[in-house]
Amino acid sequence: MYPFLRFIKETLKYRNAPKLGLLETHVSHHRCWPWDLDPWIELNNGRTLTLYDLGRIPMAMRTGLTHVLRRNGWGITVAGNSTRYRQRVRAFERFELRSRCVGWDDKFIYVEQSMWKGNTCANHILIRSAFTSAKGIIPPVQVVQDLGAETVSPALPAWVQAWVAADSERPWPPARD
């Protein structure tokens, strides 16, 4: 089940937080609860993806993105991701979640997020999202312009560019063997 109560807590907690620039980092703190666990008593990999919402959505609020989306009747959807898991997050452990936009191209905006236990990165994700309307995908530059931010994206890091290039080679739809 989606963590609605945690989602509400995060939105209330950050509703009056200082504004962030589009490329600045949102930092939040969380705990791994029993309902987040898999049979090995650690944070479930699917739940990890859900918990990343608890960083992206307040980040979008603080940058003004949610206001722009609501005002225009637009939405945002995850269009791809790449995740690395390197350290277990066990029951009741606290972790820091860091979320930041790294840039955009003609179709997508790219957000980097990571979970930290002290100075150790437990996992890291790159999320590719698309802005949507009833007419289809909206170019990110249009949304960024509406935010009043610089419309030229910073150069995407080399590792992001490599992932974008590799993912463009992946067949779609996949074979149904």
C-alpha atoms as a PDB file:
ATOM      1  CA  MET A   1       0.000   0.000   0.000  1.00  0.00           C
ATOM      2  CA  TYR A   2       1.173   3.510  -0.777  1.00  0.00           C
ATOM      3  CA  PRO A   3       2.494   5.355   2.320  1.00  0.00           C
ATOM      4  CA  PHE A   4      -0.224   8.024   2.297  1.00  0.00           C
ATOM      5  CA  LEU A   5       0.285   9.081   5.917  1.00  0.00           C
ATOM      6  CA  ARG A   6       4.020   9.560   5.371  1.00  0.00           C
ATOM      7  CA  PHE A   7       3.270  11.425   2.156  1.00  0.00           C
ATOM      8  CA  ILE A   8       0.889  13.780   4.002  1.00  0.00           C
ATOM      9  CA  LYS A   9       3.470  14.251   6.779  1.00  0.00           C
ATOM     10  CA  GLU A  10       6.170  15.206   4.267  1.00  0.00           C
ATOM     11  CA  THR A  11       3.939  17.621   2.348  1.00  0.00           C
ATOM     12  CA  LEU A  12       2.839  19.319   5.582  1.00  0.00           C
ATOM     13  CA  LYS A  13       6.383  19.397   6.936  1.00  0.00           C
ATOM     14  CA  TYR A  14       7.797  21.111   3.840  1.00  0.00           C
ATOM     15  CA  ARG A  15       4.837  23.270   2.759  1.00  0.00           C
ATOM     16  CA  ASN A  16       6.441  26.400   4.262  1.00  0.00           C
ATOM     17  CA  ALA A  17      10.085  25.360   3.851  1.00  0.00           C
ATOM     18  CA  PRO A  18      12.412  27.772   2.049  1.00  0.00           C
ATOM     19  CA  LYS A  19      12.092  27.685  -1.720  1.00  0.00           C
ATOM     20  CA  LEU A  20      14.674  25.756  -3.710  1.00  0.00           C
ATOM     21  CA  GLY A  21      16.141  26.560  -7.091  1.00  0.00           C
ATOM     22  CA  LEU A  22      15.298  23.960  -9.718  1.00  0.00           C
ATOM     23  CA  LEU A  23      18.771  22.394  -9.463  1.00  0.00           C
ATOM     24  CA  GLU A  24      19.165  22.556  -5.677  1.00  0.00           C
ATOM     25  CA  THR A  25      19.036  19.518  -3.382  1.00  0.00           C
ATOM     26  CA  HIS A  26      16.092  18.674  -1.137  1.00  0.00           C
ATOM     27  CA  VAL A  27      17.137  16.724   1.979  1.00  0.00           C
ATOM     28  CA  SER A  28      14.724  14.769   4.176  1.00  0.00           C
ATOM     29  CA  HIS A  29      15.042  12.144   6.912  1.00  0.00           C
ATOM     30  CA  HIS A  30      13.123   8.901   7.249  1.00  0.00           C
ATOM     31  CA  ARG A  31      12.992   5.584   9.068  1.00  0.00           C
ATOM     32  CA  CYS A  32      12.592   2.049   7.740  1.00  0.00           C
ATOM     33  CA  TRP A  33       9.416   0.711   9.351  1.00  0.00           C
ATOM     34  CA  PRO A  34       8.287  -2.949   9.593  1.00  0.00           C
ATOM     35  CA  TRP A  35       5.790  -2.462   6.734  1.00  0.00           C
ATOM     36  CA  ASP A  36       8.710  -1.436   4.476  1.00  0.00           C
ATOM     37  CA  LEU A  37      10.503  -4.771   4.913  1.00  0.00           C
ATOM     38  CA  ASP A  38      10.971  -7.818   2.749  1.00  0.00           C
ATOM     39  CA  PRO A  39      11.362 -11.408   4.093  1.00  0.00           C
ATOM     40  CA  TRP A  40      15.057 -10.689   4.835  1.00  0.00           C
ATOM     41  CA  ILE A  41      14.109  -7.924   7.302  1.00  0.00           C
ATOM     42  CA  GLU A  42      15.502  -5.138   5.142  1.00  0.00           C
ATOM     43  CA  LEU A  43      13.979  -2.377   3.037  1.00  0.00           C
ATOM     44  CA  ASN A  44      12.128  -3.981   0.134  1.00  0.00           C
ATOM     45  CA  ASN A  45      13.517  -2.941  -3.249  1.00  0.00           C
ATOM     46  CA  GLY A  46      10.074  -1.988  -4.572  1.00  0.00           C
ATOM     47  CA  ARG A  47       9.306  -0.016  -1.430  1.00  0.00           C
ATOM     48  CA  THR A  48      12.569   1.870  -1.956  1.00  0.00           C
ATOM     49  CA  LEU A  49      11.167   3.229  -5.220  1.00  0.00           C
ATOM     50  CA  THR A  50       7.978   4.278  -3.436  1.00  0.00           C
ATOM     51  CA  LEU A  51       9.903   5.996  -0.644  1.00  0.00           C
ATOM     52  CA  TYR A  52      11.792   8.036  -3.219  1.00  0.00           C
ATOM     53  CA  ASP A  53       8.423   9.734  -3.892  1.00  0.00           C
ATOM     54  CA  LEU A  54       8.738  11.169  -0.377  1.00  0.00           C
ATOM     55  CA  GLY A  55      11.752  13.115  -1.618  1.00  0.00           C
ATOM     56  CA  ARG A  56      10.663  14.023  -5.143  1.00  0.00           C
ATOM     57  CA  ILE A  57       7.261  15.422  -4.265  1.00  0.00           C
ATOM     58  CA  PRO A  58       8.458  17.844  -1.538  1.00  0.00           C
ATOM     59  CA  MET A  59      11.335  18.796  -3.858  1.00  0.00           C
ATOM     60  CA  ALA A  60       8.761  19.613  -6.568  1.00  0.00           C
ATOM     61  CA  MET A  61       6.769  21.653  -4.036  1.00  0.00           C
ATOM     62  CA  ARG A  62       9.819  23.620  -2.896  1.00  0.00           C
ATOM     63  CA  THR A  63      10.974  24.409  -6.440  1.00  0.00           C
ATOM     64  CA  GLY A  64       7.494  25.633  -7.436  1.00  0.00           C
ATOM     65  CA  LEU A  65       6.997  22.777  -9.888  1.00  0.00           C
ATOM     66  CA  THR A  66       3.764  21.468  -8.323  1.00  0.00           C
ATOM     67  CA  HIS A  67       2.275  24.983  -8.515  1.00  0.00           C
ATOM     68  CA  VAL A  68       3.123  25.254 -12.237  1.00  0.00           C
ATOM     69  CA  LEU A  69       1.736  21.784 -12.948  1.00  0.00           C
ATOM     70  CA  ARG A  70      -1.546  22.459 -11.125  1.00  0.00           C
ATOM     71  CA  ARG A  71      -1.986  25.909 -12.659  1.00  0.00           C
ATOM     72  CA  ASN A  72      -1.656  24.478 -16.165  1.00  0.00           C
ATOM     73  CA  GLY A  73      -3.498  21.204 -15.610  1.00  0.00           C
ATOM     74  CA  TRP A  74      -0.307  19.260 -16.350  1.00  0.00           C
ATOM     75  CA  GLY A  75       0.991  16.091 -14.775  1.00  0.00           C
ATOM     76  CA  ILE A  76       4.313  14.342 -14.375  1.00  0.00           C
ATOM     77  CA  THR A  77       5.009  10.653 -14.811  1.00  0.00           C
ATOM     78  CA  VAL A  78       8.046   8.448 -14.332  1.00  0.00           C
ATOM     79  CA  ALA A  79       9.247   7.317 -17.770  1.00  0.00           C
ATOM     80  CA  GLY A  80      12.237   5.247 -16.684  1.00  0.00           C
ATOM     81  CA  ASN A  81      14.799   4.707 -13.968  1.00  0.00           C
ATOM     82  CA  SER A  82      18.076   3.075 -13.112  1.00  0.00           C
ATOM     83  CA  THR A  83      18.683   2.005  -9.527  1.00  0.00           C
ATOM     84  CA  ARG A  84      21.766   0.792  -7.648  1.00  0.00           C
ATOM     85  CA  TYR A  85      21.502  -0.960  -4.292  1.00  0.00           C
ATOM     86  CA  ARG A  86      24.768  -1.099  -2.335  1.00  0.00           C
ATOM     87  CA  GLN A  87      23.953  -1.194   1.402  1.00  0.00           C
ATOM     88  CA  ARG A  88      21.066  -2.780   3.244  1.00  0.00           C
ATOM     89  CA  VAL A  89      18.614  -0.562   5.099  1.00  0.00           C
ATOM     90  CA  ARG A  90      17.365  -2.642   8.014  1.00  0.00           C
ATOM     91  CA  ALA A  91      14.282  -2.389  10.220  1.00  0.00           C
ATOM     92  CA  PHE A  92      14.069   0.838  12.229  1.00  0.00           C
ATOM     93  CA  GLU A  93      17.222   2.337  10.708  1.00  0.00           C
ATOM     94  CA  ARG A  94      17.122   6.041   9.934  1.00  0.00           C
ATOM     95  CA  PHE A  95      18.288   7.315   6.573  1.00  0.00           C
ATOM     96  CA  GLU A  96      18.682  10.593   4.762  1.00  0.00           C
ATOM     97  CA  LEU A  97      17.079  11.036   1.357  1.00  0.00           C
ATOM     98  CA  ARG A  98      18.666  13.508  -1.086  1.00  0.00           C
ATOM     99  CA  SER A  99      16.807  14.592  -4.234  1.00  0.00           C
ATOM    100  CA  ARG A 100      17.892  16.941  -6.998  1.00  0.00           C
ATOM    101  CA  CYS A 101      17.191  17.683 -10.640  1.00  0.00           C
ATOM    102  CA  VAL A 102      20.313  17.194 -12.764  1.00  0.00           C
ATOM    103  CA  GLY A 103      18.890  18.584 -16.016  1.00  0.00           C
ATOM    104  CA  TRP A 104      16.578  17.932 -18.937  1.00  0.00           C
ATOM    105  CA  ASP A 105      16.529  17.249 -22.643  1.00  0.00           C
ATOM    106  CA  ASP A 106      13.851  17.733 -25.300  1.00  0.00           C
ATOM    107  CA  LYS A 107      11.472  15.135 -23.762  1.00  0.00           C
ATOM    108  CA  PHE A 108      12.426  14.376 -20.177  1.00  0.00           C
ATOM    109  CA  ILE A 109      13.627  15.817 -16.886  1.00  0.00           C
ATOM    110  CA  TYR A 110      16.217  13.817 -14.918  1.00  0.00           C
ATOM    111  CA  VAL A 111      16.231  13.570 -11.130  1.00  0.00           C
ATOM    112  CA  GLU A 112      18.974  11.972  -9.063  1.00  0.00           C
ATOM    113  CA  GLN A 113      18.107  10.610  -5.628  1.00  0.00           C
ATOM    114  CA  SER A 114      20.052   8.754  -2.964  1.00  0.00           C
ATOM    115  CA  MET A 115      19.503   7.228   0.482  1.00  0.00           C
ATOM    116  CA  TRP A 116      22.300   7.670   3.010  1.00  0.00           C
ATOM    117  CA  LYS A 117      23.057   5.939   6.306  1.00  0.00           C
ATOM    118  CA  GLY A 118      25.530   8.341   7.844  1.00  0.00           C
ATOM    119  CA  ASN A 119      28.317   8.782   5.280  1.00  0.00           C
ATOM    120  CA  THR A 120      27.427   5.583   3.397  1.00  0.00           C
ATOM    121  CA  CYS A 121      25.201   5.640   0.332  1.00  0.00           C
ATOM    122  CA  ALA A 122      22.747   2.744   0.617  1.00  0.00           C
ATOM    123  CA  ASN A 123      21.177   3.171  -2.817  1.00  0.00           C
ATOM    124  CA  HIS A 124      20.979   5.617  -5.685  1.00  0.00           C
ATOM    125  CA  ILE A 125      18.460   6.181  -8.465  1.00  0.00           C
ATOM    126  CA  LEU A 126      18.207   8.167 -11.652  1.00  0.00           C
ATOM    127  CA  ILE A 127      14.609   8.947 -12.578  1.00  0.00           C
ATOM    128  CA  ARG A 128      13.542  10.106 -16.006  1.00  0.00           C
ATOM    129  CA  SER A 129      10.157  11.855 -15.931  1.00  0.00           C
ATOM    130  CA  ALA A 130       7.895  13.327 -18.565  1.00  0.00           C
ATOM    131  CA  PHE A 131       5.532  16.265 -18.164  1.00  0.00           C
ATOM    132  CA  THR A 132       2.104  15.447 -19.530  1.00  0.00           C
ATOM    133  CA  SER A 133      -1.111  17.120 -20.609  1.00  0.00           C
ATOM    134  CA  ALA A 134      -4.302  15.935 -22.290  1.00  0.00           C
ATOM    135  CA  LYS A 135      -2.495  16.562 -25.593  1.00  0.00           C
ATOM    136  CA  GLY A 136       0.576  14.469 -24.752  1.00  0.00           C
ATOM    137  CA  ILE A 137       4.123  15.106 -23.572  1.00  0.00           C
ATOM    138  CA  ILE A 138       5.102  18.702 -22.837  1.00  0.00           C
ATOM    139  CA  PRO A 139       8.703  19.721 -23.583  1.00  0.00           C
ATOM    140  CA  PRO A 140      10.534  20.281 -20.282  1.00  0.00           C
ATOM    141  CA  VAL A 141      11.814  23.654 -21.510  1.00  0.00           C
ATOM    142  CA  GLN A 142       8.189  24.892 -21.547  1.00  0.00           C
ATOM    143  CA  VAL A 143       7.706  23.859 -17.918  1.00  0.00           C
ATOM    144  CA  VAL A 144      11.079  25.278 -16.866  1.00  0.00           C
ATOM    145  CA  GLN A 145      10.261  28.561 -18.604  1.00  0.00           C
ATOM    146  CA  ASP A 146       6.926  28.690 -16.759  1.00  0.00           C
ATOM    147  CA  LEU A 147       8.889  28.214 -13.509  1.00  0.00           C
ATOM    148  CA  GLY A 148      10.904  31.302 -14.374  1.00  0.00           C
ATOM    149  CA  ALA A 149      14.141  29.325 -14.314  1.00  0.00           C
ATOM    150  CA  GLU A 150      17.000  29.304 -16.811  1.00  0.00           C
ATOM    151  CA  THR A 151      15.662  27.343 -19.798  1.00  0.00           C
ATOM    152  CA  VAL A 152      19.029  25.988 -20.934  1.00  0.00           C
ATOM    153  CA  SER A 153      19.710  22.755 -19.092  1.00  0.00           C
ATOM    154  CA  PRO A 154      23.096  22.267 -17.513  1.00  0.00           C
ATOM    155  CA  ALA A 155      25.033  19.566 -19.343  1.00  0.00           C
ATOM    156  CA  LEU A 156      23.791  16.204 -18.161  1.00  0.00           C
ATOM    157  CA  PRO A 157      26.539  14.298 -16.325  1.00  0.00           C
ATOM    158  CA  ALA A 158      28.370  11.779 -18.537  1.00  0.00           C
ATOM    159  CA  TRP A 159      26.884   8.811 -16.657  1.00  0.00           C
ATOM    160  CA  VAL A 160      23.352  10.167 -17.250  1.00  0.00           C
ATOM    161  CA  GLN A 161      24.087  10.672 -20.944  1.00  0.00           C
ATOM    162  CA  ALA A 162      25.450   7.106 -21.142  1.00  0.00           C
ATOM    163  CA  TRP A 163      22.288   5.718 -19.529  1.00  0.00           C
ATOM    164  CA  VAL A 164      20.068   7.741 -21.903  1.00  0.00           C
ATOM    165  CA  ALA A 165      22.044   6.438 -24.895  1.00  0.00           C
ATOM    166  CA  ALA A 166      21.966   2.829 -23.671  1.00  0.00           C
ATOM    167  CA  ASP A 167      18.251   2.989 -22.919  1.00  0.00           C
ATOM    168  CA  SER A 168      17.523   4.351 -26.408  1.00  0.00           C
ATOM    169  CA  GLU A 169      18.980   1.093 -27.816  1.00  0.00           C
ATOM    170  CA  ARG A 170      16.575  -1.027 -25.795  1.00  0.00           C
ATOM    171  CA  PRO A 171      13.784  -2.412 -27.978  1.00  0.00           C
ATOM    172  CA  TRP A 172      10.257  -1.182 -27.319  1.00  0.00           C
ATOM    173  CA  PRO A 173       7.951  -2.896 -27.020  1.00  0.00           C
ATOM    174  CA  PRO A 174       9.906  -5.865 -25.756  1.00  0.00           C
ATOM    175  CA  ALA A 175       9.574  -9.268 -27.419  1.00  0.00           C
ATOM    176  CA  ARG A 176       6.774 -11.463 -26.061  1.00  0.00           C
ATOM    177  CA  ASP A 177       8.725 -14.745 -26.098  1.00  0.00           C
END
